[in-house]
């Protein structure tokens, strides 16, 4: 974002940013937010009708069809995730394997979601894995999770990490992986600086907990 800030200062060209993080603007540094002055336009989640239209169009392009009850299930599962990507993946699985059993589709949908978390977890380095474990433990204890509390507990996990690095990793957990959500940011002055309060999403907790074990 600092790069976009610099580009805008030099060119004054309009900038459009697409993000699936609804807290994107709030999480920007103050100088970037004030310089770019981004105006949010929120796109509504896909409706059942829109997902059905997307699936029908893809099936027409592929010159194929799937049973109506299977289509309804795929659309319902995609709606639950608010994802056209899930819609296409499930339809592709059914057609490629010629499997239209309801129980099989449910099972594949669960495995597909789990695989996404495994990919995320495998991307993390040792420090990042220890930090998400720390956050998971704080979540289990019912503690309020703040960036300061994370830093205070780093010694328990044998982590030598700066406050700036913690902030960077939390940004990655939220913006790149969607594991956490920032609830609020507070500035406590020079000595303490900015403190972020976060929430570990329940789906993230369940899946990360299994991977940690």
N, C-alpha and C. Protein backbone atom coordinates (compact mmCIF):
# COMPACT_ATOMS: atom_id res chain seq x y z
N UNK A 1 0.83 -1.21 0.00
CA UNK A 1 0.00 0.00 0.00
C UNK A 1 0.86 1.25 0.00
N UNK A 2 2.04 1.17 0.61
CA UNK A 2 2.94 2.33 0.56
C UNK A 2 3.36 2.61 -0.89
N UNK A 3 3.51 1.54 -1.67
CA UNK A 3 3.85 1.71 -3.09
C UNK A 3 2.72 2.41 -3.84
N UNK A 4 1.48 1.99 -3.59
CA UNK A 4 0.33 2.65 -4.22
C UNK A 4 0.23 4.11 -3.77
N UNK A 5 0.53 4.33 -2.51
CA UNK A 5 0.54 5.69 -1.98
C UNK A 5 1.52 6.56 -2.78
N UNK A 6 2.72 6.01 -3.00
CA UNK A 6 3.76 6.75 -3.73
C UNK A 6 3.34 6.99 -5.18
N UNK A 7 2.77 5.96 -5.82
CA UNK A 7 2.32 6.09 -7.21
C UNK A 7 1.27 7.19 -7.32
N UNK A 8 0.33 7.18 -6.38
CA UNK A 8 -0.75 8.18 -6.42
C UNK A 8 -0.19 9.58 -6.23
N UNK A 9 0.74 9.75 -5.31
CA UNK A 9 1.33 11.07 -5.08
C UNK A 9 2.02 11.60 -6.34
N UNK A 10 2.64 10.66 -7.08
CA UNK A 10 3.40 11.07 -8.27
C UNK A 10 2.51 11.29 -9.48
N UNK A 11 1.44 10.54 -9.61
CA UNK A 11 0.66 10.55 -10.85
C UNK A 11 -0.75 11.12 -10.71
N UNK A 12 -1.32 11.05 -9.49
CA UNK A 12 -2.71 11.45 -9.25
C UNK A 12 -3.70 10.63 -10.07
N UNK A 13 -3.28 9.43 -10.50
CA UNK A 13 -4.18 8.56 -11.26
C UNK A 13 -5.14 7.85 -10.32
N UNK A 14 -6.38 7.63 -10.75
CA UNK A 14 -7.33 6.87 -9.92
C UNK A 14 -6.83 5.45 -9.68
N UNK A 15 -7.09 4.93 -8.51
CA UNK A 15 -6.66 3.58 -8.16
C UNK A 15 -7.87 2.77 -7.71
N UNK A 16 -8.01 1.57 -8.27
CA UNK A 16 -9.08 0.66 -7.87
C UNK A 16 -8.42 -0.56 -7.24
N UNK A 17 -8.84 -0.90 -6.02
CA UNK A 17 -8.31 -2.05 -5.31
C UNK A 17 -9.44 -3.03 -5.05
N UNK A 18 -9.25 -4.29 -5.42
CA UNK A 18 -10.24 -5.33 -5.15
C UNK A 18 -9.73 -6.21 -4.01
N UNK A 19 -10.57 -6.43 -3.00
CA UNK A 19 -10.17 -7.24 -1.86
C UNK A 19 -11.38 -7.99 -1.33
N UNK A 20 -11.13 -9.21 -0.81
CA UNK A 20 -12.22 -9.95 -0.15
C UNK A 20 -12.19 -9.75 1.36
N UNK A 21 -11.36 -8.80 1.82
CA UNK A 21 -11.26 -8.48 3.24
C UNK A 21 -12.13 -7.25 3.53
N UNK A 22 -13.21 -7.43 4.28
CA UNK A 22 -14.15 -6.32 4.49
C UNK A 22 -13.56 -5.24 5.40
N UNK A 23 -12.45 -5.55 6.09
CA UNK A 23 -11.81 -4.57 6.97
C UNK A 23 -10.59 -3.93 6.29
N UNK A 24 -10.50 -4.07 4.99
CA UNK A 24 -9.31 -3.63 4.25
C UNK A 24 -8.97 -2.17 4.52
N UNK A 25 -9.95 -1.29 4.37
CA UNK A 25 -9.68 0.14 4.51
C UNK A 25 -9.31 0.49 5.95
N UNK A 26 -10.04 -0.09 6.93
CA UNK A 26 -9.75 0.21 8.33
C UNK A 26 -8.33 -0.21 8.72
N UNK A 27 -7.79 -1.23 8.04
CA UNK A 27 -6.48 -1.76 8.40
C UNK A 27 -5.32 -1.01 7.75
N UNK A 28 -5.61 -0.05 6.90
CA UNK A 28 -4.55 0.71 6.25
C UNK A 28 -3.90 1.67 7.24
N UNK A 29 -2.63 1.96 7.01
CA UNK A 29 -1.96 2.98 7.81
C UNK A 29 -2.65 4.33 7.57
N UNK A 30 -2.61 5.17 8.59
CA UNK A 30 -3.34 6.45 8.51
C UNK A 30 -2.94 7.30 7.31
N UNK A 31 -1.62 7.41 7.06
CA UNK A 31 -1.19 8.28 5.96
C UNK A 31 -1.65 7.74 4.60
N UNK A 32 -1.65 6.40 4.46
CA UNK A 32 -2.12 5.80 3.21
C UNK A 32 -3.62 6.03 3.03
N UNK A 33 -4.36 5.80 4.10
CA UNK A 33 -5.81 5.95 4.04
C UNK A 33 -6.20 7.38 3.71
N UNK A 34 -5.51 8.34 4.31
CA UNK A 34 -5.85 9.75 4.09
C UNK A 34 -5.40 10.24 2.71
N UNK A 35 -4.30 9.69 2.21
CA UNK A 35 -3.81 10.11 0.89
C UNK A 35 -4.65 9.51 -0.23
N UNK A 36 -4.89 8.19 -0.15
CA UNK A 36 -5.64 7.53 -1.23
C UNK A 36 -7.14 7.81 -1.13
N UNK A 37 -7.63 8.01 0.08
CA UNK A 37 -9.04 8.32 0.32
C UNK A 37 -9.93 7.34 -0.45
N UNK A 38 -9.71 6.05 -0.21
CA UNK A 38 -10.47 5.02 -0.91
C UNK A 38 -11.92 5.01 -0.44
N UNK A 39 -12.83 4.93 -1.39
CA UNK A 39 -14.26 4.86 -1.09
C UNK A 39 -14.72 3.42 -1.26
N UNK A 40 -15.26 2.81 -0.21
CA UNK A 40 -15.64 1.39 -0.31
C UNK A 40 -16.90 1.17 -1.13
N UNK A 41 -16.86 0.16 -1.98
CA UNK A 41 -18.04 -0.31 -2.70
C UNK A 41 -18.15 -1.80 -2.39
N UNK A 42 -19.11 -2.18 -1.59
CA UNK A 42 -19.25 -3.58 -1.19
C UNK A 42 -20.15 -4.33 -2.17
N UNK A 43 -19.65 -5.46 -2.66
CA UNK A 43 -20.43 -6.30 -3.56
C UNK A 43 -21.20 -7.31 -2.72
N UNK A 44 -22.47 -7.43 -2.99
CA UNK A 44 -23.30 -8.37 -2.24
C UNK A 44 -22.85 -9.81 -2.51
N UNK A 45 -23.01 -10.71 -1.53
CA UNK A 45 -22.71 -12.12 -1.78
C UNK A 45 -23.58 -12.66 -2.91
N UNK A 46 -23.09 -13.72 -3.55
CA UNK A 46 -23.89 -14.34 -4.62
C UNK A 46 -25.23 -14.80 -4.08
N UNK A 47 -26.26 -14.58 -4.85
CA UNK A 47 -27.57 -15.13 -4.52
C UNK A 47 -27.66 -16.55 -5.07
N UNK A 48 -28.66 -17.29 -4.62
CA UNK A 48 -28.90 -18.64 -5.15
C UNK A 48 -29.09 -18.57 -6.66
N UNK A 49 -29.85 -17.58 -7.11
CA UNK A 49 -30.14 -17.44 -8.55
C UNK A 49 -28.87 -17.16 -9.34
N UNK A 50 -27.98 -16.34 -8.80
CA UNK A 50 -26.74 -16.03 -9.51
C UNK A 50 -25.83 -17.24 -9.59
N UNK A 51 -25.74 -18.00 -8.50
CA UNK A 51 -24.92 -19.21 -8.52
C UNK A 51 -25.49 -20.24 -9.50
N UNK A 52 -26.80 -20.33 -9.55
CA UNK A 52 -27.44 -21.24 -10.50
C UNK A 52 -27.14 -20.82 -11.94
N UNK A 53 -27.17 -19.51 -12.18
CA UNK A 53 -26.87 -19.00 -13.52
C UNK A 53 -25.42 -19.30 -13.91
N UNK A 54 -24.49 -19.10 -12.98
CA UNK A 54 -23.08 -19.38 -13.25
C UNK A 54 -22.89 -20.85 -13.59
N UNK A 55 -23.51 -21.72 -12.80
CA UNK A 55 -23.36 -23.16 -13.04
C UNK A 55 -23.97 -23.56 -14.37
N UNK A 56 -25.15 -23.04 -14.68
CA UNK A 56 -25.80 -23.37 -15.95
C UNK A 56 -24.95 -22.93 -17.14
N UNK A 57 -24.35 -21.74 -17.02
CA UNK A 57 -23.51 -21.23 -18.12
C UNK A 57 -22.29 -22.12 -18.33
N UNK A 58 -21.66 -22.54 -17.22
CA UNK A 58 -20.49 -23.41 -17.33
C UNK A 58 -20.86 -24.77 -17.92
N UNK A 59 -22.00 -25.29 -17.52
CA UNK A 59 -22.45 -26.58 -18.06
C UNK A 59 -22.74 -26.49 -19.56
N UNK A 60 -23.32 -25.35 -19.96
CA UNK A 60 -23.59 -25.16 -21.40
C UNK A 60 -22.28 -25.09 -22.19
N UNK A 61 -21.30 -24.39 -21.63
CA UNK A 61 -20.00 -24.28 -22.30
C UNK A 61 -19.35 -25.65 -22.43
N UNK A 62 -19.53 -26.49 -21.42
CA UNK A 62 -18.94 -27.83 -21.43
C UNK A 62 -19.80 -28.83 -22.20
N UNK A 63 -20.97 -28.36 -22.64
CA UNK A 63 -21.91 -29.21 -23.37
C UNK A 63 -22.22 -30.49 -22.60
N UNK A 64 -22.56 -30.30 -21.34
CA UNK A 64 -22.88 -31.45 -20.48
C UNK A 64 -23.95 -31.05 -19.48
N UNK A 65 -24.36 -31.99 -18.66
CA UNK A 65 -25.41 -31.72 -17.67
C UNK A 65 -25.19 -32.62 -16.47
N UNK A 66 -25.76 -32.23 -15.33
CA UNK A 66 -25.73 -33.05 -14.13
C UNK A 66 -27.14 -33.10 -13.56
N UNK A 67 -27.46 -34.12 -12.78
CA UNK A 67 -28.82 -34.26 -12.24
C UNK A 67 -29.25 -33.02 -11.45
N UNK A 68 -30.54 -32.72 -11.52
CA UNK A 68 -31.08 -31.51 -10.90
C UNK A 68 -30.84 -31.48 -9.38
N UNK A 69 -31.03 -32.64 -8.73
CA UNK A 69 -30.86 -32.65 -7.26
C UNK A 69 -29.40 -32.42 -6.88
N UNK A 70 -28.48 -32.86 -7.74
CA UNK A 70 -27.05 -32.64 -7.50
C UNK A 70 -26.72 -31.16 -7.70
N UNK A 71 -27.29 -30.57 -8.72
CA UNK A 71 -27.09 -29.14 -8.96
C UNK A 71 -27.54 -28.32 -7.75
N UNK A 72 -28.70 -28.66 -7.21
CA UNK A 72 -29.23 -27.92 -6.06
C UNK A 72 -28.30 -28.04 -4.85
N UNK A 73 -27.75 -29.24 -4.65
CA UNK A 73 -26.84 -29.45 -3.52
C UNK A 73 -25.56 -28.63 -3.72
N UNK A 74 -24.99 -28.68 -4.92
CA UNK A 74 -23.76 -27.94 -5.21
C UNK A 74 -23.98 -26.44 -4.98
N UNK A 75 -25.10 -25.94 -5.46
CA UNK A 75 -25.43 -24.51 -5.30
C UNK A 75 -25.57 -24.17 -3.82
N UNK A 76 -26.22 -25.05 -3.05
CA UNK A 76 -26.42 -24.81 -1.63
C UNK A 76 -25.08 -24.78 -0.88
N UNK A 77 -24.18 -25.71 -1.21
CA UNK A 77 -22.87 -25.75 -0.57
C UNK A 77 -22.04 -24.52 -0.94
N UNK A 78 -22.14 -24.10 -2.21
CA UNK A 78 -21.42 -22.91 -2.65
C UNK A 78 -21.98 -21.65 -1.98
N UNK A 79 -23.30 -21.62 -1.80
CA UNK A 79 -23.92 -20.48 -1.14
C UNK A 79 -23.47 -20.38 0.31
N UNK A 80 -23.31 -21.52 0.96
CA UNK A 80 -22.85 -21.54 2.35
C UNK A 80 -21.48 -20.92 2.48
N UNK A 81 -20.63 -21.12 1.46
CA UNK A 81 -19.28 -20.55 1.46
C UNK A 81 -19.23 -19.20 0.74
N UNK A 82 -20.37 -18.81 0.13
CA UNK A 82 -20.42 -17.59 -0.68
C UNK A 82 -19.29 -17.57 -1.71
N UNK A 83 -19.16 -18.68 -2.43
CA UNK A 83 -18.01 -18.83 -3.31
C UNK A 83 -18.40 -19.49 -4.63
N UNK A 84 -18.16 -18.79 -5.74
CA UNK A 84 -18.34 -19.39 -7.05
C UNK A 84 -17.22 -20.40 -7.33
N UNK A 85 -16.06 -20.20 -6.68
CA UNK A 85 -14.95 -21.14 -6.83
C UNK A 85 -15.34 -22.52 -6.32
N UNK A 86 -16.00 -22.57 -5.17
CA UNK A 86 -16.47 -23.84 -4.61
C UNK A 86 -17.50 -24.47 -5.54
N UNK A 87 -18.39 -23.63 -6.09
CA UNK A 87 -19.41 -24.11 -7.03
C UNK A 87 -18.77 -24.85 -8.20
N UNK A 88 -17.78 -24.22 -8.83
CA UNK A 88 -17.13 -24.79 -10.01
C UNK A 88 -16.32 -26.03 -9.64
N UNK A 89 -15.66 -25.99 -8.50
CA UNK A 89 -14.85 -27.14 -8.07
C UNK A 89 -15.70 -28.37 -7.83
N UNK A 90 -16.85 -28.20 -7.18
CA UNK A 90 -17.73 -29.34 -6.89
C UNK A 90 -18.32 -29.91 -8.18
N UNK A 91 -18.73 -29.02 -9.08
CA UNK A 91 -19.28 -29.48 -10.35
C UNK A 91 -18.21 -30.22 -11.16
N UNK A 92 -16.99 -29.70 -11.16
CA UNK A 92 -15.88 -30.33 -11.87
C UNK A 92 -15.60 -31.72 -11.30
N UNK A 93 -15.62 -31.84 -9.97
CA UNK A 93 -15.40 -33.13 -9.32
C UNK A 93 -16.45 -34.15 -9.77
N UNK A 94 -17.71 -33.74 -9.79
CA UNK A 94 -18.79 -34.66 -10.18
C UNK A 94 -18.64 -35.13 -11.62
N UNK A 95 -18.35 -34.19 -12.50
CA UNK A 95 -18.28 -34.52 -13.92
C UNK A 95 -17.02 -35.32 -14.26
N UNK A 96 -15.90 -34.91 -13.68
CA UNK A 96 -14.64 -35.59 -13.99
C UNK A 96 -14.67 -37.05 -13.53
N UNK A 97 -15.28 -37.28 -12.37
CA UNK A 97 -15.30 -38.63 -11.80
C UNK A 97 -16.62 -39.36 -12.04
N UNK A 98 -17.57 -38.66 -12.70
CA UNK A 98 -18.89 -39.23 -12.94
C UNK A 98 -19.49 -39.79 -11.64
N UNK A 99 -19.39 -38.96 -10.60
CA UNK A 99 -19.93 -39.31 -9.28
C UNK A 99 -21.01 -38.30 -8.93
N UNK A 100 -22.23 -38.79 -8.75
CA UNK A 100 -23.35 -37.89 -8.46
C UNK A 100 -24.08 -38.31 -7.18
N UNK A 101 -23.36 -39.03 -6.32
CA UNK A 101 -23.93 -39.46 -5.05
C UNK A 101 -23.89 -38.31 -4.05
N UNK A 102 -25.00 -38.07 -3.36
CA UNK A 102 -25.12 -36.94 -2.45
C UNK A 102 -24.08 -37.03 -1.33
N UNK A 103 -23.94 -38.23 -0.73
CA UNK A 103 -22.99 -38.41 0.37
C UNK A 103 -21.56 -38.14 -0.09
N UNK A 104 -21.24 -38.56 -1.32
CA UNK A 104 -19.89 -38.34 -1.86
C UNK A 104 -19.61 -36.84 -2.03
N UNK A 105 -20.60 -36.11 -2.49
CA UNK A 105 -20.42 -34.67 -2.70
C UNK A 105 -20.19 -33.95 -1.37
N UNK A 106 -20.96 -34.33 -0.35
CA UNK A 106 -20.75 -33.76 0.98
C UNK A 106 -19.32 -34.04 1.47
N UNK A 107 -18.88 -35.28 1.29
CA UNK A 107 -17.56 -35.69 1.74
C UNK A 107 -16.47 -34.93 1.00
N UNK A 108 -16.65 -34.77 -0.32
CA UNK A 108 -15.64 -34.06 -1.11
C UNK A 108 -15.60 -32.58 -0.72
N UNK A 109 -16.77 -31.99 -0.46
CA UNK A 109 -16.82 -30.58 -0.05
C UNK A 109 -16.05 -30.37 1.24
N UNK A 110 -16.19 -31.32 2.18
CA UNK A 110 -15.46 -31.23 3.45
C UNK A 110 -13.95 -31.37 3.21
N UNK A 111 -13.55 -32.35 2.38
CA UNK A 111 -12.13 -32.54 2.09
C UNK A 111 -11.55 -31.32 1.38
N UNK A 112 -12.34 -30.73 0.48
CA UNK A 112 -11.87 -29.57 -0.28
C UNK A 112 -11.57 -28.41 0.66
N UNK A 113 -12.47 -28.18 1.63
CA UNK A 113 -12.26 -27.12 2.61
C UNK A 113 -11.03 -27.43 3.46
N UNK A 114 -10.90 -28.67 3.90
CA UNK A 114 -9.75 -29.06 4.71
C UNK A 114 -8.45 -28.88 3.95
N UNK A 115 -8.46 -29.20 2.64
CA UNK A 115 -7.26 -29.07 1.83
C UNK A 115 -6.81 -27.62 1.74
N UNK A 116 -7.76 -26.69 1.66
CA UNK A 116 -7.42 -25.27 1.64
C UNK A 116 -6.64 -24.89 2.89
N UNK A 117 -7.09 -25.37 4.05
CA UNK A 117 -6.39 -25.06 5.31
C UNK A 117 -5.02 -25.73 5.36
N UNK A 118 -4.92 -26.94 4.82
CA UNK A 118 -3.62 -27.62 4.79
C UNK A 118 -2.63 -26.85 3.92
N UNK A 119 -3.11 -26.34 2.80
CA UNK A 119 -2.24 -25.54 1.92
C UNK A 119 -1.75 -24.30 2.64
N UNK A 120 -2.67 -23.64 3.36
CA UNK A 120 -2.30 -22.46 4.13
C UNK A 120 -1.26 -22.83 5.18
N UNK A 121 -1.55 -23.89 5.94
CA UNK A 121 -0.66 -24.28 7.04
C UNK A 121 0.72 -24.66 6.52
N UNK A 122 0.78 -25.35 5.40
CA UNK A 122 2.07 -25.77 4.85
C UNK A 122 2.89 -24.59 4.33
N UNK A 123 2.22 -23.48 4.03
CA UNK A 123 2.94 -22.28 3.58
C UNK A 123 3.64 -21.56 4.73
N UNK A 124 3.14 -21.77 5.96
CA UNK A 124 3.65 -21.02 7.10
C UNK A 124 5.04 -21.51 7.51
N UNK A 125 5.91 -20.57 7.88
CA UNK A 125 7.22 -20.96 8.41
C UNK A 125 7.09 -21.27 9.90
N UNK A 126 8.21 -21.64 10.53
CA UNK A 126 8.15 -22.04 11.94
C UNK A 126 7.59 -20.95 12.83
N UNK A 127 8.07 -19.73 12.65
CA UNK A 127 7.61 -18.61 13.48
C UNK A 127 6.12 -18.37 13.32
N UNK A 128 5.63 -18.42 12.09
CA UNK A 128 4.21 -18.19 11.83
C UNK A 128 3.35 -19.30 12.43
N UNK A 129 3.85 -20.54 12.36
CA UNK A 129 3.10 -21.66 12.96
C UNK A 129 3.04 -21.51 14.48
N UNK A 130 4.14 -21.06 15.09
CA UNK A 130 4.15 -20.86 16.53
C UNK A 130 3.20 -19.72 16.92
N UNK A 131 3.14 -18.68 16.10
CA UNK A 131 2.24 -17.56 16.40
C UNK A 131 0.78 -17.97 16.29
N UNK A 132 0.44 -18.76 15.28
CA UNK A 132 -0.97 -19.18 15.17
C UNK A 132 -1.31 -20.15 16.29
N UNK A 133 -0.32 -20.93 16.75
CA UNK A 133 -0.56 -21.80 17.90
C UNK A 133 -0.79 -20.95 19.16
N UNK A 134 -0.01 -19.90 19.32
CA UNK A 134 -0.18 -18.99 20.45
C UNK A 134 -1.58 -18.39 20.44
N UNK A 135 -2.00 -17.92 19.28
CA UNK A 135 -3.34 -17.31 19.13
C UNK A 135 -4.42 -18.34 19.43
N UNK A 136 -4.22 -19.57 18.96
CA UNK A 136 -5.18 -20.64 19.21
C UNK A 136 -5.30 -20.93 20.71
N UNK A 137 -4.16 -20.95 21.42
CA UNK A 137 -4.18 -21.19 22.87
C UNK A 137 -4.90 -20.06 23.61
N UNK A 138 -4.66 -18.82 23.20
CA UNK A 138 -5.35 -17.68 23.83
C UNK A 138 -6.86 -17.77 23.57
N UNK A 139 -7.22 -18.19 22.36
CA UNK A 139 -8.64 -18.36 22.01
C UNK A 139 -9.28 -19.42 22.91
N UNK A 140 -8.58 -20.54 23.11
CA UNK A 140 -9.11 -21.61 23.95
C UNK A 140 -9.27 -21.17 25.40
N UNK A 141 -8.36 -20.32 25.85
CA UNK A 141 -8.41 -19.84 27.23
C UNK A 141 -9.48 -18.78 27.43
N UNK A 142 -10.08 -18.33 26.33
CA UNK A 142 -11.11 -17.30 26.41
C UNK A 142 -10.56 -15.92 26.66
N UNK A 143 -9.25 -15.75 26.44
CA UNK A 143 -8.62 -14.44 26.67
C UNK A 143 -8.93 -13.47 25.54
N UNK A 144 -8.94 -12.19 25.87
CA UNK A 144 -8.99 -11.15 24.86
C UNK A 144 -7.65 -11.18 24.12
N UNK A 145 -7.70 -11.33 22.81
CA UNK A 145 -6.46 -11.49 22.03
C UNK A 145 -6.05 -10.14 21.46
N UNK A 146 -4.93 -9.63 21.93
CA UNK A 146 -4.39 -8.38 21.42
C UNK A 146 -2.96 -8.60 20.95
N UNK A 147 -2.46 -7.68 20.14
CA UNK A 147 -1.08 -7.78 19.67
C UNK A 147 -0.11 -7.71 20.85
N UNK A 148 -0.43 -6.90 21.87
CA UNK A 148 0.43 -6.82 23.05
C UNK A 148 0.47 -8.14 23.81
N UNK A 149 -0.70 -8.78 23.96
CA UNK A 149 -0.75 -10.05 24.68
C UNK A 149 0.03 -11.12 23.93
N UNK A 150 -0.03 -11.09 22.62
CA UNK A 150 0.73 -12.04 21.81
C UNK A 150 2.23 -11.85 22.06
N UNK A 151 2.67 -10.59 22.05
CA UNK A 151 4.10 -10.29 22.27
C UNK A 151 4.52 -10.72 23.68
N UNK A 152 3.66 -10.46 24.67
CA UNK A 152 3.97 -10.83 26.06
C UNK A 152 4.13 -12.34 26.22
N UNK A 153 3.44 -13.13 25.40
CA UNK A 153 3.48 -14.58 25.52
C UNK A 153 4.50 -15.26 24.62
N UNK A 154 5.22 -14.48 23.84
CA UNK A 154 6.17 -15.07 22.88
C UNK A 154 7.23 -15.94 23.56
N UNK A 155 7.67 -15.54 24.75
CA UNK A 155 8.71 -16.31 25.44
C UNK A 155 8.26 -17.74 25.74
N UNK A 156 6.97 -17.92 26.01
CA UNK A 156 6.44 -19.26 26.29
C UNK A 156 6.62 -20.19 25.09
N UNK A 157 6.70 -19.61 23.90
CA UNK A 157 6.80 -20.40 22.67
C UNK A 157 8.20 -20.28 22.05
N UNK A 158 9.13 -19.77 22.87
CA UNK A 158 10.52 -19.63 22.45
C UNK A 158 10.63 -18.83 21.15
N UNK A 159 9.88 -17.73 21.10
CA UNK A 159 9.87 -16.89 19.90
C UNK A 159 10.60 -15.58 20.17
N UNK A 160 11.60 -15.30 19.36
CA UNK A 160 12.29 -14.01 19.42
C UNK A 160 11.81 -13.21 18.21
N UNK A 161 10.85 -12.35 18.44
CA UNK A 161 10.21 -11.67 17.32
C UNK A 161 9.86 -10.24 17.73
N UNK A 162 10.06 -9.31 16.82
CA UNK A 162 9.81 -7.91 17.12
C UNK A 162 8.32 -7.58 17.02
N UNK A 163 7.94 -6.46 17.61
CA UNK A 163 6.55 -6.02 17.55
C UNK A 163 6.13 -5.77 16.10
N UNK A 164 7.05 -5.20 15.32
CA UNK A 164 6.76 -4.93 13.91
C UNK A 164 6.52 -6.21 13.12
N UNK A 165 7.32 -7.25 13.43
CA UNK A 165 7.15 -8.53 12.73
C UNK A 165 5.84 -9.19 13.12
N UNK A 166 5.45 -9.10 14.41
CA UNK A 166 4.16 -9.62 14.85
C UNK A 166 3.04 -8.96 14.06
N UNK A 167 3.12 -7.63 13.92
CA UNK A 167 2.09 -6.90 13.18
C UNK A 167 2.02 -7.36 11.74
N UNK A 168 3.19 -7.59 11.13
CA UNK A 168 3.24 -8.05 9.73
C UNK A 168 2.61 -9.42 9.57
N UNK A 169 2.91 -10.34 10.50
CA UNK A 169 2.35 -11.69 10.43
C UNK A 169 0.84 -11.66 10.64
N UNK A 170 0.37 -10.83 11.58
CA UNK A 170 -1.07 -10.70 11.80
C UNK A 170 -1.76 -10.18 10.54
N UNK A 171 -1.11 -9.25 9.84
CA UNK A 171 -1.66 -8.76 8.57
C UNK A 171 -1.80 -9.90 7.57
N UNK A 172 -0.78 -10.77 7.49
CA UNK A 172 -0.82 -11.91 6.57
C UNK A 172 -1.93 -12.88 6.97
N UNK A 173 -2.05 -13.16 8.27
CA UNK A 173 -3.09 -14.06 8.74
C UNK A 173 -4.48 -13.55 8.36
N UNK A 174 -4.64 -12.23 8.38
CA UNK A 174 -5.96 -11.66 8.09
C UNK A 174 -6.18 -11.45 6.60
N UNK A 175 -5.25 -10.75 5.96
CA UNK A 175 -5.46 -10.31 4.58
C UNK A 175 -5.19 -11.39 3.54
N UNK A 176 -4.19 -12.26 3.82
CA UNK A 176 -3.83 -13.28 2.83
C UNK A 176 -4.55 -14.60 3.07
N UNK A 177 -4.71 -14.96 4.36
CA UNK A 177 -5.24 -16.29 4.67
C UNK A 177 -6.65 -16.27 5.27
N UNK A 178 -7.12 -15.14 5.74
CA UNK A 178 -8.46 -15.05 6.31
C UNK A 178 -8.64 -15.84 7.60
N UNK A 179 -7.57 -16.00 8.38
CA UNK A 179 -7.63 -16.79 9.60
C UNK A 179 -8.17 -15.99 10.79
N UNK A 180 -7.89 -14.70 10.79
CA UNK A 180 -8.30 -13.85 11.92
C UNK A 180 -9.05 -12.62 11.40
N UNK A 181 -9.70 -11.93 12.32
CA UNK A 181 -10.37 -10.67 12.00
C UNK A 181 -9.96 -9.62 13.02
N UNK A 182 -9.59 -8.45 12.55
CA UNK A 182 -9.28 -7.35 13.46
C UNK A 182 -10.57 -6.71 13.93
N UNK A 183 -10.76 -6.67 15.24
CA UNK A 183 -11.97 -6.08 15.82
C UNK A 183 -11.80 -4.58 15.97
N UNK A 184 -10.64 -4.15 16.48
CA UNK A 184 -10.39 -2.72 16.63
C UNK A 184 -8.90 -2.46 16.77
N UNK A 185 -8.51 -1.22 16.53
CA UNK A 185 -7.15 -0.75 16.73
C UNK A 185 -7.20 0.46 17.65
N UNK A 186 -6.30 0.50 18.62
CA UNK A 186 -6.26 1.62 19.54
C UNK A 186 -4.83 2.13 19.64
N UNK A 187 -4.66 3.44 19.70
CA UNK A 187 -3.34 4.04 19.83
C UNK A 187 -3.16 4.53 21.26
N UNK A 188 -2.17 3.94 21.97
CA UNK A 188 -1.95 4.27 23.37
C UNK A 188 -0.74 5.17 23.57
N UNK A 189 -0.36 5.89 22.52
CA UNK A 189 0.73 6.85 22.67
C UNK A 189 2.10 6.27 22.38
N UNK A 190 3.12 7.07 22.67
CA UNK A 190 4.49 6.74 22.27
C UNK A 190 5.00 5.45 22.88
N UNK A 191 4.78 5.24 24.18
CA UNK A 191 5.36 4.08 24.87
C UNK A 191 4.76 2.76 24.40
N UNK A 192 3.45 2.72 24.26
CA UNK A 192 2.78 1.48 23.90
C UNK A 192 2.52 1.36 22.41
N UNK A 193 2.19 2.48 21.78
CA UNK A 193 1.91 2.48 20.35
C UNK A 193 0.52 1.93 20.05
N UNK A 194 0.36 1.43 18.83
CA UNK A 194 -0.94 0.92 18.40
C UNK A 194 -1.13 -0.53 18.86
N UNK A 195 -2.29 -0.79 19.45
CA UNK A 195 -2.63 -2.14 19.90
C UNK A 195 -3.83 -2.64 19.10
N UNK A 196 -3.67 -3.82 18.52
CA UNK A 196 -4.73 -4.42 17.72
C UNK A 196 -5.43 -5.53 18.50
N UNK A 197 -6.74 -5.51 18.50
CA UNK A 197 -7.52 -6.59 19.10
C UNK A 197 -8.06 -7.45 17.97
N UNK A 198 -7.84 -8.76 18.07
CA UNK A 198 -8.24 -9.65 16.97
C UNK A 198 -9.18 -10.74 17.48
N UNK A 199 -9.80 -11.41 16.53
CA UNK A 199 -10.64 -12.57 16.81
C UNK A 199 -10.20 -13.70 15.89
N UNK A 200 -10.04 -14.90 16.45
CA UNK A 200 -9.76 -16.09 15.64
C UNK A 200 -11.10 -16.66 15.19
N UNK A 201 -11.32 -16.74 13.88
CA UNK A 201 -12.58 -17.23 13.37
C UNK A 201 -12.77 -18.70 13.76
N UNK A 202 -14.02 -19.08 14.05
CA UNK A 202 -14.30 -20.41 14.59
C UNK A 202 -13.90 -21.52 13.62
N UNK A 203 -14.19 -21.33 12.32
CA UNK A 203 -13.79 -22.34 11.33
C UNK A 203 -12.26 -22.47 11.29
N UNK A 204 -11.60 -21.31 11.37
CA UNK A 204 -10.13 -21.32 11.37
C UNK A 204 -9.62 -22.07 12.59
N UNK A 205 -10.22 -21.80 13.75
CA UNK A 205 -9.79 -22.46 14.98
C UNK A 205 -9.90 -23.98 14.86
N UNK A 206 -11.05 -24.46 14.40
CA UNK A 206 -11.27 -25.91 14.32
C UNK A 206 -10.26 -26.56 13.38
N UNK A 207 -10.06 -25.95 12.22
CA UNK A 207 -9.17 -26.56 11.23
C UNK A 207 -7.70 -26.44 11.62
N UNK A 208 -7.29 -25.29 12.13
CA UNK A 208 -5.91 -25.10 12.55
C UNK A 208 -5.59 -26.00 13.74
N UNK A 209 -6.55 -26.14 14.66
CA UNK A 209 -6.35 -27.00 15.83
C UNK A 209 -6.05 -28.43 15.39
N UNK A 210 -6.80 -28.93 14.41
CA UNK A 210 -6.57 -30.30 13.91
C UNK A 210 -5.17 -30.41 13.29
N UNK A 211 -4.76 -29.40 12.55
CA UNK A 211 -3.45 -29.44 11.89
C UNK A 211 -2.31 -29.35 12.90
N UNK A 212 -2.52 -28.58 13.96
CA UNK A 212 -1.50 -28.46 15.00
C UNK A 212 -1.30 -29.77 15.75
N UNK A 213 -2.37 -30.53 15.85
CA UNK A 213 -2.28 -31.81 16.56
C UNK A 213 -1.65 -32.88 15.67
